[in-house]
Amino acid sequence: MANATLAAPDRDTWSTRLRDIGFWADWAALVGLIVLVVVFQAANPTFLSTGNIQSMLEAAAILIILGVGQTFVIATAGIDLSIASTMTLGAVGFGQAYSAGWGLAASCAVAVAASTLAGLLNGFVVARGKITDFIVTLGMLSAASGLALIVSNGKPVTVIEPALLKLSTNGIGILGWMFIIAAAVAIVAHVVLFHTRFGTHLLATGGSPESATAMGISTARIKIAVYAVAGLLAGLASILLVARVGAAEPAANTSFLLNSVAAVVLGGVSLFGGRATVIGPVIGALLLTALVNGLTLLGVSQFYQPLSVGIVVVLAAFLMRFQR
């Protein structure tokens, strides 16, 4: 009887502790961002200066868009390892069309079309070919990177376009146009994910493909669609990348891939599918951008920055185990 009496309070204590951990797990990205802001501002007063905030928001815009695309895929229990290479392919398509005199609008269309086509191919092979997404998108990572190098002959194309320059430098107050575009993408994604039939079917597919199929949902079409969405958003991100860099570069930046997955994990999206959020990955992208920016301001070597990102991601993945 004594053991039973002692066991009940112990269970209550552990239950309370798990609920507390679950609370922090749900809000890990936001809490982490606030802590980083406080620490970096105390260490360097220029961290929250207007110029640095604008710089961080501009840097985060591309990652936010890629993170939203990755969210759609991961919500179906998949993953897109090719998203950064797909973005590079879109940028190269933009550069080749622009250098051929096609004009800005046509070049943007080529960028989005090239990336979307790569996403569609990913989705088709995963859904119809019944091949695991890890292998398919890993193959596309290499294929898209190789195609970008072949098409461009390994040479970047300088893009001098007043409209793109305004896109990367102007805005409304402290918010640059690039960040405003990223915010608009996030808002639309939230509406699609939580207020449309497609979003409901997407989450059902990620939660239980068998149950979704039994309900009459075409899980194959959903998977094709989410990879196409990821490709389309990678194409949009490629336009912003060209605007920010001022050139269409054929070299893929793998940090965008790693950070897009990291932002989703930090944002609390389940890697097993069926549970998603859009605001979480957005905050995750801001957190990662603030982390790198703050370390740079403090003069920390760039060699340590990937290490710090990796540690943050592992901690976030650990906290995901306790999500409510």
C-alpha atoms as a PDB file:
ATOM      1  CA  MET A   1       0.000   0.000   0.000  1.00  0.00           C
ATOM      2  CA  ALA A   2       2.861   2.338   0.846  1.00  0.00           C
ATOM      3  CA  ASN A   3       4.426   1.788  -2.570  1.00  0.00           C
ATOM      4  CA  ALA A   4       1.105   2.440  -4.252  1.00  0.00           C
ATOM      5  CA  THR A   5       0.669   5.603  -2.231  1.00  0.00           C
ATOM      6  CA  LEU A   6       4.095   6.849  -3.213  1.00  0.00           C
ATOM      7  CA  ALA A   7       3.678   5.862  -6.855  1.00  0.00           C
ATOM      8  CA  ALA A   8       0.675   8.099  -7.487  1.00  0.00           C
ATOM      9  CA  PRO A   9       2.375  11.388  -6.514  1.00  0.00           C
ATOM     10  CA  ASP A  10       5.455  10.350  -8.506  1.00  0.00           C
ATOM     11  CA  ARG A  11       3.333   9.786 -11.573  1.00  0.00           C
ATOM     12  CA  ASP A  12       1.663  13.158 -11.076  1.00  0.00           C
ATOM     13  CA  THR A  13       5.055  14.831 -10.734  1.00  0.00           C
ATOM     14  CA  TRP A  14       6.394  13.263 -13.933  1.00  0.00           C
ATOM     15  CA  SER A  15       3.152  14.085 -15.755  1.00  0.00           C
ATOM     16  CA  THR A  16       3.480  17.721 -14.703  1.00  0.00           C
ATOM     17  CA  ARG A  17       7.114  17.823 -15.790  1.00  0.00           C
ATOM     18  CA  LEU A  18       6.283  16.349 -19.196  1.00  0.00           C
ATOM     19  CA  ARG A  19       3.504  18.907 -19.664  1.00  0.00           C
ATOM     20  CA  ASP A  20       5.978  21.676 -18.809  1.00  0.00           C
ATOM     21  CA  ILE A  21       8.497  20.300 -21.321  1.00  0.00           C
ATOM     22  CA  GLY A  22       5.707  19.986 -23.885  1.00  0.00           C
ATOM     23  CA  PHE A  23       4.840  23.665 -23.435  1.00  0.00           C
ATOM     24  CA  TRP A  24       8.441  24.730 -24.088  1.00  0.00           C
ATOM     25  CA  ALA A  25       8.670  22.326 -27.035  1.00  0.00           C
ATOM     26  CA  ASP A  26       5.628  23.935 -28.661  1.00  0.00           C
ATOM     27  CA  TRP A  27       7.156  27.403 -28.309  1.00  0.00           C
ATOM     28  CA  ALA A  28      10.846  26.491 -28.697  1.00  0.00           C
ATOM     29  CA  ALA A  29      11.450  28.558 -31.840  1.00  0.00           C
ATOM     30  CA  LEU A  30       9.841  31.718 -30.464  1.00  0.00           C
ATOM     31  CA  VAL A  31      11.541  31.404 -27.072  1.00  0.00           C
ATOM     32  CA  GLY A  32      14.867  30.706 -28.769  1.00  0.00           C
ATOM     33  CA  LEU A  33      14.480  33.756 -31.017  1.00  0.00           C
ATOM     34  CA  ILE A  34      13.697  36.020 -28.066  1.00  0.00           C
ATOM     35  CA  VAL A  35      16.678  34.686 -26.111  1.00  0.00           C
ATOM     36  CA  LEU A  36      19.006  35.214 -29.084  1.00  0.00           C
ATOM     37  CA  VAL A  37      17.782  38.774 -29.582  1.00  0.00           C
ATOM     38  CA  VAL A  38      18.338  39.631 -25.909  1.00  0.00           C
ATOM     39  CA  VAL A  39      21.789  38.017 -25.771  1.00  0.00           C
ATOM     40  CA  PHE A  40      23.089  39.480 -29.038  1.00  0.00           C
ATOM     41  CA  GLN A  41      21.706  42.944 -28.298  1.00  0.00           C
ATOM     42  CA  ALA A  42      23.426  42.907 -24.903  1.00  0.00           C
ATOM     43  CA  ALA A  43      26.672  41.772 -26.516  1.00  0.00           C
ATOM     44  CA  ASN A  44      26.484  44.176 -29.462  1.00  0.00           C
ATOM     45  CA  PRO A  45      24.110  47.198 -29.390  1.00  0.00           C
ATOM     46  CA  THR A  46      24.098  47.398 -33.199  1.00  0.00           C
ATOM     47  CA  PHE A  47      22.228  44.092 -33.428  1.00  0.00           C
ATOM     48  CA  LEU A  48      18.814  45.768 -33.206  1.00  0.00           C
ATOM     49  CA  SER A  49      19.778  48.784 -35.276  1.00  0.00           C
ATOM     50  CA  THR A  50      17.427  49.601 -38.146  1.00  0.00           C
ATOM     51  CA  GLY A  51      20.016  48.730 -40.772  1.00  0.00           C
ATOM     52  CA  ASN A  52      20.838  45.351 -39.246  1.00  0.00           C
ATOM     53  CA  ILE A  53      17.174  44.408 -38.785  1.00  0.00           C
ATOM     54  CA  GLN A  54      16.521  45.226 -42.442  1.00  0.00           C
ATOM     55  CA  SER A  55      19.530  43.141 -43.427  1.00  0.00           C
ATOM     56  CA  MET A  56      18.352  40.159 -41.359  1.00  0.00           C
ATOM     57  CA  LEU A  57      14.808  40.297 -42.727  1.00  0.00           C
ATOM     58  CA  GLU A  58      16.126  40.451 -46.285  1.00  0.00           C
ATOM     59  CA  ALA A  59      18.432  37.502 -45.629  1.00  0.00           C
ATOM     60  CA  ALA A  60      15.588  35.530 -44.044  1.00  0.00           C
ATOM     61  CA  ALA A  61      13.164  36.080 -46.943  1.00  0.00           C
ATOM     62  CA  ILE A  62      14.604  33.379 -49.205  1.00  0.00           C
ATOM     63  CA  LEU A  63      14.867  30.897 -46.348  1.00  0.00           C
ATOM     64  CA  ILE A  64      11.254  31.593 -45.309  1.00  0.00           C
ATOM     65  CA  ILE A  65       9.981  30.791 -48.805  1.00  0.00           C
ATOM     66  CA  LEU A  66      12.056  27.610 -49.029  1.00  0.00           C
ATOM     67  CA  GLY A  67      10.954  26.646 -45.523  1.00  0.00           C
ATOM     68  CA  VAL A  68       7.289  27.025 -46.484  1.00  0.00           C
ATOM     69  CA  GLY A  69       7.836  24.789 -49.509  1.00  0.00           C
ATOM     70  CA  GLN A  70       9.636  22.241 -47.374  1.00  0.00           C
ATOM     71  CA  THR A  71       6.766  22.369 -44.860  1.00  0.00           C
ATOM     72  CA  PHE A  72       4.249  21.215 -47.467  1.00  0.00           C
ATOM     73  CA  VAL A  73       6.450  18.223 -48.310  1.00  0.00           C
ATOM     74  CA  ILE A  74       7.323  17.277 -44.733  1.00  0.00           C
ATOM     75  CA  ALA A  75       3.656  17.528 -43.712  1.00  0.00           C
ATOM     76  CA  THR A  76       3.085  14.477 -45.939  1.00  0.00           C
ATOM     77  CA  ALA A  77       5.946  12.639 -44.154  1.00  0.00           C
ATOM     78  CA  GLY A  78       8.307  13.332 -47.060  1.00  0.00           C
ATOM     79  CA  ILE A  79      11.388  15.476 -47.532  1.00  0.00           C
ATOM     80  CA  ASP A  80      12.855  17.454 -50.428  1.00  0.00           C
ATOM     81  CA  LEU A  81      16.641  17.280 -50.446  1.00  0.00           C
ATOM     82  CA  SER A  82      16.777  18.941 -53.868  1.00  0.00           C
ATOM     83  CA  ILE A  83      15.118  22.243 -52.975  1.00  0.00           C
ATOM     84  CA  ALA A  84      18.362  24.272 -52.981  1.00  0.00           C
ATOM     85  CA  SER A  85      19.526  22.756 -56.272  1.00  0.00           C
ATOM     86  CA  THR A  86      16.067  23.332 -57.746  1.00  0.00           C
ATOM     87  CA  MET A  87      16.369  26.979 -56.745  1.00  0.00           C
ATOM     88  CA  THR A  88      19.792  27.141 -58.406  1.00  0.00           C
ATOM     89  CA  LEU A  89      18.345  25.632 -61.576  1.00  0.00           C
ATOM     90  CA  GLY A  90      15.627  28.281 -61.560  1.00  0.00           C
ATOM     91  CA  ALA A  91      18.219  31.042 -61.112  1.00  0.00           C
ATOM     92  CA  VAL A  92      20.276  29.701 -64.024  1.00  0.00           C
ATOM     93  CA  GLY A  93      17.129  29.524 -66.155  1.00  0.00           C
ATOM     94  CA  PHE A  94      16.448  33.144 -65.268  1.00  0.00           C
ATOM     95  CA  GLY A  95      20.013  34.155 -66.168  1.00  0.00           C
ATOM     96  CA  GLN A  96      20.010  32.349 -69.510  1.00  0.00           C
ATOM     97  CA  ALA A  97      16.656  33.806 -70.544  1.00  0.00           C
ATOM     98  CA  TYR A  98      17.662  37.301 -69.441  1.00  0.00           C
ATOM     99  CA  SER A  99      21.004  37.173 -71.268  1.00  0.00           C
ATOM    100  CA  ALA A 100      19.137  36.054 -74.398  1.00  0.00           C
ATOM    101  CA  GLY A 101      17.087  39.266 -74.247  1.00  0.00           C
ATOM    102  CA  TRP A 102      13.790  37.726 -73.123  1.00  0.00           C
ATOM    103  CA  GLY A 103      13.029  40.498 -70.646  1.00  0.00           C
ATOM    104  CA  LEU A 104      12.315  40.447 -66.932  1.00  0.00           C
ATOM    105  CA  ALA A 105       8.809  38.948 -66.951  1.00  0.00           C
ATOM    106  CA  ALA A 106       9.737  36.115 -69.320  1.00  0.00           C
ATOM    107  CA  SER A 107      12.921  35.394 -67.361  1.00  0.00           C
ATOM    108  CA  CYS A 108      10.927  35.140 -64.127  1.00  0.00           C
ATOM    109  CA  ALA A 109       8.507  32.768 -65.845  1.00  0.00           C
ATOM    110  CA  VAL A 110      11.387  30.571 -67.011  1.00  0.00           C
ATOM    111  CA  ALA A 111      12.816  30.444 -63.479  1.00  0.00           C
ATOM    112  CA  VAL A 112       9.499  29.396 -61.937  1.00  0.00           C
ATOM    113  CA  ALA A 113       8.755  26.925 -64.746  1.00  0.00           C
ATOM    114  CA  ALA A 114      12.157  25.219 -64.484  1.00  0.00           C
ATOM    115  CA  SER A 115      11.916  24.795 -60.714  1.00  0.00           C
ATOM    116  CA  THR A 116       8.279  23.703 -60.809  1.00  0.00           C
ATOM    117  CA  LEU A 117       9.062  21.109 -63.478  1.00  0.00           C
ATOM    118  CA  ALA A 118      11.820  19.676 -61.274  1.00  0.00           C
ATOM    119  CA  GLY A 119       9.378  19.543 -58.357  1.00  0.00           C
ATOM    120  CA  LEU A 120       6.739  17.833 -60.492  1.00  0.00           C
ATOM    121  CA  LEU A 121       9.275  15.242 -61.573  1.00  0.00           C
ATOM    122  CA  ASN A 122      10.168  14.609 -57.935  1.00  0.00           C
ATOM    123  CA  GLY A 123       6.536  14.138 -57.017  1.00  0.00           C
ATOM    124  CA  PHE A 124       5.719  11.925 -59.985  1.00  0.00           C
ATOM    125  CA  VAL A 125       8.606   9.535 -59.321  1.00  0.00           C
ATOM    126  CA  VAL A 126       7.857   9.412 -55.575  1.00  0.00           C
ATOM    127  CA  ALA A 127       4.104   8.914 -56.006  1.00  0.00           C
ATOM    128  CA  ARG A 128       3.868   6.856 -59.181  1.00  0.00           C
ATOM    129  CA  GLY A 129       7.244   5.176 -59.137  1.00  0.00           C
ATOM    130  CA  LYS A 130       6.844   4.194 -55.474  1.00  0.00           C
ATOM    131  CA  ILE A 131      10.452   5.163 -54.762  1.00  0.00           C
ATOM    132  CA  THR A 132      11.359   6.648 -51.392  1.00  0.00           C
ATOM    133  CA  ASP A 133      11.505  10.427 -51.368  1.00  0.00           C
ATOM    134  CA  PHE A 134      14.987  10.458 -49.861  1.00  0.00           C
ATOM    135  CA  ILE A 135      16.482   8.683 -52.877  1.00  0.00           C
ATOM    136  CA  VAL A 136      14.438  10.563 -55.475  1.00  0.00           C
ATOM    137  CA  THR A 137      15.209  14.041 -54.174  1.00  0.00           C
ATOM    138  CA  LEU A 138      18.845  13.124 -53.521  1.00  0.00           C
ATOM    139  CA  GLY A 139      19.072  12.161 -57.178  1.00  0.00           C
ATOM    140  CA  MET A 140      17.366  15.392 -58.207  1.00  0.00           C
ATOM    141  CA  LEU A 141      19.814  17.337 -56.035  1.00  0.00           C
ATOM    142  CA  SER A 142      22.657  16.054 -58.185  1.00  0.00           C
ATOM    143  CA  ALA A 143      20.736  16.183 -61.468  1.00  0.00           C
ATOM    144  CA  ALA A 144      19.526  19.769 -61.021  1.00  0.00           C
ATOM    145  CA  SER A 145      22.985  20.939 -59.952  1.00  0.00           C
ATOM    146  CA  GLY A 146      24.572  19.222 -62.956  1.00  0.00           C
ATOM    147  CA  LEU A 147      21.991  20.603 -65.373  1.00  0.00           C
ATOM    148  CA  ALA A 148      22.521  24.116 -64.000  1.00  0.00           C
ATOM    149  CA  LEU A 149      26.262  23.807 -64.623  1.00  0.00           C
ATOM    150  CA  ILE A 150      25.746  22.392 -68.120  1.00  0.00           C
ATOM    151  CA  VAL A 151      23.257  25.043 -69.205  1.00  0.00           C
ATOM    152  CA  SER A 152      25.354  27.898 -67.833  1.00  0.00           C
ATOM    153  CA  ASN A 153      28.689  26.332 -68.778  1.00  0.00           C
ATOM    154  CA  GLY A 154      29.629  26.936 -65.152  1.00  0.00           C
ATOM    155  CA  LYS A 155      29.629  30.713 -65.593  1.00  0.00           C
ATOM    156  CA  PRO A 156      27.470  33.163 -63.623  1.00  0.00           C
ATOM    157  CA  VAL A 157      25.343  35.666 -65.521  1.00  0.00           C
ATOM    158  CA  THR A 158      25.322  39.227 -64.223  1.00  0.00           C
ATOM    159  CA  VAL A 159      21.807  40.644 -64.091  1.00  0.00           C
ATOM    160  CA  ILE A 160      21.515  44.429 -64.106  1.00  0.00           C
ATOM    161  CA  GLU A 161      17.841  45.257 -63.808  1.00  0.00           C
ATOM    162  CA  PRO A 162      16.454  48.364 -62.033  1.00  0.00           C
ATOM    163  CA  ALA A 163      13.295  46.530 -60.949  1.00  0.00           C
ATOM    164  CA  LEU A 164      15.307  43.778 -59.250  1.00  0.00           C
ATOM    165  CA  LEU A 165      17.537  46.369 -57.617  1.00  0.00           C
ATOM    166  CA  LYS A 166      14.479  48.084 -56.143  1.00  0.00           C
ATOM    167  CA  LEU A 167      13.160  44.686 -55.045  1.00  0.00           C
ATOM    168  CA  SER A 168      16.310  44.000 -53.039  1.00  0.00           C
ATOM    169  CA  THR A 169      16.813  47.500 -51.602  1.00  0.00           C
ATOM    170  CA  ASN A 170      13.429  49.214 -51.257  1.00  0.00           C
ATOM    171  CA  GLY A 171      10.387  48.454 -49.156  1.00  0.00           C
ATOM    172  CA  ILE A 172       7.885  49.884 -46.713  1.00  0.00           C
ATOM    173  CA  GLY A 173       9.596  51.251 -43.651  1.00  0.00           C
ATOM    174  CA  ILE A 174      11.793  48.628 -42.037  1.00  0.00           C
ATOM    175  CA  LEU A 175      10.233  45.865 -44.124  1.00  0.00           C
ATOM    176  CA  GLY A 176      11.942  45.283 -47.471  1.00  0.00           C
ATOM    177  CA  TRP A 177       9.989  44.079 -50.508  1.00  0.00           C
ATOM    178  CA  MET A 178      11.689  40.697 -50.341  1.00  0.00           C
ATOM    179  CA  PHE A 179      10.492  40.106 -46.793  1.00  0.00           C
ATOM    180  CA  ILE A 180       7.012  41.387 -47.666  1.00  0.00           C
ATOM    181  CA  ILE A 181       6.843  38.856 -50.508  1.00  0.00           C
ATOM    182  CA  ALA A 182       7.994  36.097 -48.148  1.00  0.00           C
ATOM    183  CA  ALA A 183       5.370  37.124 -45.583  1.00  0.00           C
ATOM    184  CA  ALA A 184       2.677  37.090 -48.270  1.00  0.00           C
ATOM    185  CA  VAL A 185       3.752  33.579 -49.310  1.00  0.00           C
ATOM    186  CA  ALA A 186       3.513  32.437 -45.683  1.00  0.00           C
ATOM    187  CA  ILE A 187       0.020  33.907 -45.286  1.00  0.00           C
ATOM    188  CA  VAL A 188      -1.230  32.251 -48.474  1.00  0.00           C
ATOM    189  CA  ALA A 189       0.370  28.967 -47.417  1.00  0.00           C
ATOM    190  CA  HIS A 190      -1.360  29.142 -44.033  1.00  0.00           C
ATOM    191  CA  VAL A 191      -4.732  29.685 -45.676  1.00  0.00           C
ATOM    192  CA  VAL A 192      -4.150  26.835 -48.133  1.00  0.00           C
ATOM    193  CA  LEU A 193      -2.939  24.455 -45.448  1.00  0.00           C
ATOM    194  CA  PHE A 194      -5.659  25.080 -42.868  1.00  0.00           C
ATOM    195  CA  HIS A 195      -8.645  26.519 -44.727  1.00  0.00           C
ATOM    196  CA  THR A 196      -8.902  24.522 -47.952  1.00  0.00           C
ATOM    197  CA  ARG A 197      -9.825  20.977 -48.899  1.00  0.00           C
ATOM    198  CA  PHE A 198      -6.356  20.502 -50.352  1.00  0.00           C
ATOM    199  CA  GLY A 199      -4.774  21.331 -46.996  1.00  0.00           C
ATOM    200  CA  THR A 200      -7.079  18.928 -45.181  1.00  0.00           C
ATOM    201  CA  HIS A 201      -6.234  16.142 -47.627  1.00  0.00           C
ATOM    202  CA  LEU A 202      -2.536  16.970 -47.342  1.00  0.00           C
ATOM    203  CA  LEU A 203      -2.500  16.638 -43.551  1.00  0.00           C
ATOM    204  CA  ALA A 204      -4.607  13.478 -43.747  1.00  0.00           C
ATOM    205  CA  THR A 205      -2.117  11.969 -46.208  1.00  0.00           C
ATOM    206  CA  GLY A 206       0.746  12.738 -43.852  1.00  0.00           C
ATOM    207  CA  GLY A 207      -1.095  11.484 -40.790  1.00  0.00           C
ATOM    208  CA  SER A 208      -2.171   8.141 -42.211  1.00  0.00           C
ATOM    209  CA  PRO A 209      -1.928   7.372 -45.951  1.00  0.00           C
ATOM    210  CA  GLU A 210      -4.004   4.216 -45.546  1.00  0.00           C
ATOM    211  CA  SER A 211      -6.852   6.036 -43.799  1.00  0.00           C
ATOM    212  CA  ALA A 212      -6.666   8.880 -46.329  1.00  0.00           C
ATOM    213  CA  THR A 213      -6.953   6.411 -49.197  1.00  0.00           C
ATOM    214  CA  ALA A 214      -9.909   4.724 -47.492  1.00  0.00           C
ATOM    215  CA  MET A 215     -11.599   8.132 -47.324  1.00  0.00           C
ATOM    216  CA  GLY A 216     -11.245   8.513 -51.077  1.00  0.00           C
ATOM    217  CA  ILE A 217      -8.263  10.881 -51.045  1.00  0.00           C
ATOM    218  CA  SER A 218      -5.802  10.413 -53.914  1.00  0.00           C
ATOM    219  CA  THR A 219      -2.588  10.373 -51.895  1.00  0.00           C
ATOM    220  CA  ALA A 220      -0.528  10.081 -55.087  1.00  0.00           C
ATOM    221  CA  ARG A 221      -1.942  13.347 -56.425  1.00  0.00           C
ATOM    222  CA  ILE A 222      -1.367  15.045 -53.081  1.00  0.00           C
ATOM    223  CA  LYS A 223       2.283  13.998 -53.064  1.00  0.00           C
ATOM    224  CA  ILE A 224       2.797  15.152 -56.639  1.00  0.00           C
ATOM    225  CA  ALA A 225       1.169  18.474 -55.744  1.00  0.00           C
ATOM    226  CA  VAL A 226       3.291  19.168 -52.650  1.00  0.00           C
ATOM    227  CA  TYR A 227       6.543  18.560 -54.508  1.00  0.00           C
ATOM    228  CA  ALA A 228       5.293  20.822 -57.281  1.00  0.00           C
ATOM    229  CA  VAL A 229       4.517  23.507 -54.673  1.00  0.00           C
ATOM    230  CA  ALA A 230       8.022  23.130 -53.240  1.00  0.00           C
ATOM    231  CA  GLY A 231       9.451  23.508 -56.740  1.00  0.00           C
ATOM    232  CA  LEU A 232       7.297  26.539 -57.514  1.00  0.00           C
ATOM    233  CA  LEU A 233       8.375  28.266 -54.300  1.00  0.00           C
ATOM    234  CA  ALA A 234      12.005  27.383 -55.051  1.00  0.00           C
ATOM    235  CA  GLY A 235      11.513  29.144 -58.391  1.00  0.00           C
ATOM    236  CA  LEU A 236      10.161  32.225 -56.626  1.00  0.00           C
ATOM    237  CA  ALA A 237      13.089  32.093 -54.196  1.00  0.00           C
ATOM    238  CA  SER A 238      15.493  31.899 -57.158  1.00  0.00           C
ATOM    239  CA  ILE A 239      14.186  35.239 -58.437  1.00  0.00           C
ATOM    240  CA  LEU A 240      14.770  36.828 -55.032  1.00  0.00           C
ATOM    241  CA  LEU A 241      18.228  35.249 -54.926  1.00  0.00           C
ATOM    242  CA  VAL A 242      19.131  36.767 -58.293  1.00  0.00           C
ATOM    243  CA  ALA A 243      17.812  40.128 -57.103  1.00  0.00           C
ATOM    244  CA  ARG A 244      19.859  39.950 -53.914  1.00  0.00           C
ATOM    245  CA  VAL A 245      23.113  38.732 -55.469  1.00  0.00           C
ATOM    246  CA  GLY A 246      22.798  40.622 -58.744  1.00  0.00           C
ATOM    247  CA  ALA A 247      23.715  37.522 -60.723  1.00  0.00           C
ATOM    248  CA  ALA A 248      22.469  34.078 -61.659  1.00  0.00           C
ATOM    249  CA  GLU A 249      25.059  31.735 -60.210  1.00  0.00           C
ATOM    250  CA  PRO A 250      25.211  28.029 -61.151  1.00  0.00           C
ATOM    251  CA  ALA A 251      26.839  26.921 -57.886  1.00  0.00           C
ATOM    252  CA  ALA A 252      24.285  25.478 -55.463  1.00  0.00           C
ATOM    253  CA  ASN A 253      24.374  26.717 -51.877  1.00  0.00           C
ATOM    254  CA  THR A 254      23.783  23.634 -49.721  1.00  0.00           C
ATOM    255  CA  SER A 255      23.245  25.778 -46.633  1.00  0.00           C
ATOM    256  CA  PHE A 256      19.820  26.691 -48.012  1.00  0.00           C
ATOM    257  CA  LEU A 257      18.872  23.005 -48.037  1.00  0.00           C
ATOM    258  CA  LEU A 258      20.114  22.344 -44.522  1.00  0.00           C
ATOM    259  CA  ASN A 259      18.586  25.526 -43.138  1.00  0.00           C
ATOM    260  CA  SER A 260      15.222  24.964 -44.849  1.00  0.00           C
ATOM    261  CA  VAL A 261      14.920  21.608 -43.101  1.00  0.00           C
ATOM    262  CA  ALA A 262      16.253  23.128 -39.880  1.00  0.00           C
ATOM    263  CA  ALA A 263      13.669  25.943 -39.977  1.00  0.00           C
ATOM    264  CA  VAL A 264      10.872  23.389 -40.367  1.00  0.00           C
ATOM    265  CA  VAL A 265      12.184  21.279 -37.485  1.00  0.00           C
ATOM    266  CA  LEU A 266      12.608  24.343 -35.284  1.00  0.00           C
ATOM    267  CA  GLY A 267       9.087  25.404 -36.210  1.00  0.00           C
ATOM    268  CA  GLY A 268       7.601  22.241 -34.750  1.00  0.00           C
ATOM    269  CA  VAL A 269       6.485  20.518 -37.957  1.00  0.00           C
ATOM    270  CA  SER A 270       6.448  16.763 -37.406  1.00  0.00           C
ATOM    271  CA  LEU A 271       8.937  14.865 -39.557  1.00  0.00           C
ATOM    272  CA  PHE A 272       6.497  11.946 -39.456  1.00  0.00           C
ATOM    273  CA  GLY A 273       3.776  13.948 -41.196  1.00  0.00           C
ATOM    274  CA  GLY A 274       0.233  14.898 -40.264  1.00  0.00           C
ATOM    275  CA  ARG A 275       1.194  17.849 -38.038  1.00  0.00           C
ATOM    276  CA  ALA A 276       2.232  21.165 -39.528  1.00  0.00           C
ATOM    277  CA  THR A 277       2.333  24.893 -39.027  1.00  0.00           C
ATOM    278  CA  VAL A 278       3.453  27.784 -41.202  1.00  0.00           C
ATOM    279  CA  ILE A 279       4.264  30.405 -38.582  1.00  0.00           C
ATOM    280  CA  GLY A 280       6.638  27.959 -36.877  1.00  0.00           C
ATOM    281  CA  PRO A 281       9.009  27.556 -39.857  1.00  0.00           C
ATOM    282  CA  VAL A 282       8.871  31.324 -40.424  1.00  0.00           C
ATOM    283  CA  ILE A 283      10.038  31.914 -36.852  1.00  0.00           C
ATOM    284  CA  GLY A 284      12.585  29.122 -37.304  1.00  0.00           C
ATOM    285  CA  ALA A 285      13.986  30.870 -40.375  1.00  0.00           C
ATOM    286  CA  LEU A 286      14.212  34.147 -38.472  1.00  0.00           C
ATOM    287  CA  LEU A 287      15.938  32.372 -35.578  1.00  0.00           C
ATOM    288  CA  LEU A 288      18.585  30.803 -37.836  1.00  0.00           C
ATOM    289  CA  THR A 289      19.162  34.095 -39.628  1.00  0.00           C
ATOM    290  CA  ALA A 290      19.493  35.952 -36.321  1.00  0.00           C
ATOM    291  CA  LEU A 291      21.898  33.302 -35.029  1.00  0.00           C
ATOM    292  CA  VAL A 292      24.260  33.605 -37.991  1.00  0.00           C
ATOM    293  CA  ASN A 293      23.985  37.391 -38.068  1.00  0.00           C
ATOM    294  CA  GLY A 294      24.649  37.731 -34.337  1.00  0.00           C
ATOM    295  CA  LEU A 295      27.680  35.464 -34.457  1.00  0.00           C
ATOM    296  CA  THR A 296      29.042  37.462 -37.396  1.00  0.00           C
ATOM    297  CA  LEU A 297      28.613  40.736 -35.505  1.00  0.00           C
ATOM    298  CA  LEU A 298      30.483  39.226 -32.554  1.00  0.00           C
ATOM    299  CA  GLY A 299      33.354  38.292 -34.839  1.00  0.00           C
ATOM    300  CA  VAL A 300      32.902  34.537 -34.426  1.00  0.00           C
ATOM    301  CA  SER A 301      34.614  32.576 -37.197  1.00  0.00           C
ATOM    302  CA  GLN A 302      32.353  31.290 -39.966  1.00  0.00           C
ATOM    303  CA  PHE A 303      33.724  27.816 -39.222  1.00  0.00           C
ATOM    304  CA  TYR A 304      31.702  27.772 -35.985  1.00  0.00           C
ATOM    305  CA  GLN A 305      28.429  28.940 -37.517  1.00  0.00           C
ATOM    306  CA  PRO A 306      27.386  25.583 -39.060  1.00  0.00           C
ATOM    307  CA  LEU A 307      28.261  23.940 -35.740  1.00  0.00           C
ATOM    308  CA  SER A 308      25.968  26.297 -33.844  1.00  0.00           C
ATOM    309  CA  VAL A 309      23.123  25.721 -36.332  1.00  0.00           C
ATOM    310  CA  GLY A 310      23.573  21.963 -36.007  1.00  0.00           C
ATOM    311  CA  ILE A 311      23.417  22.100 -32.210  1.00  0.00           C
ATOM    312  CA  VAL A 312      20.247  24.207 -32.296  1.00  0.00           C
ATOM    313  CA  VAL A 313      18.578  21.800 -34.731  1.00  0.00           C
ATOM    314  CA  VAL A 314      19.448  18.719 -32.661  1.00  0.00           C
ATOM    315  CA  LEU A 315      18.077  20.382 -29.524  1.00  0.00           C
ATOM    316  CA  ALA A 316      14.885  21.273 -31.395  1.00  0.00           C
ATOM    317  CA  ALA A 317      14.532  17.704 -32.655  1.00  0.00           C
ATOM    318  CA  PHE A 318      14.936  16.466 -29.071  1.00  0.00           C
ATOM    319  CA  LEU A 319      12.228  18.825 -27.844  1.00  0.00           C
ATOM    320  CA  MET A 320       9.890  17.574 -30.588  1.00  0.00           C
ATOM    321  CA  ARG A 321       9.602  14.305 -28.691  1.00  0.00           C
ATOM    322  CA  PHE A 322       7.661  16.141 -25.988  1.00  0.00           C
ATOM    323  CA  GLN A 323       5.324  18.145 -28.200  1.00  0.00           C
ATOM    324  CA  ARG A 324       1.712  18.091 -27.071  1.00  0.00           C
END
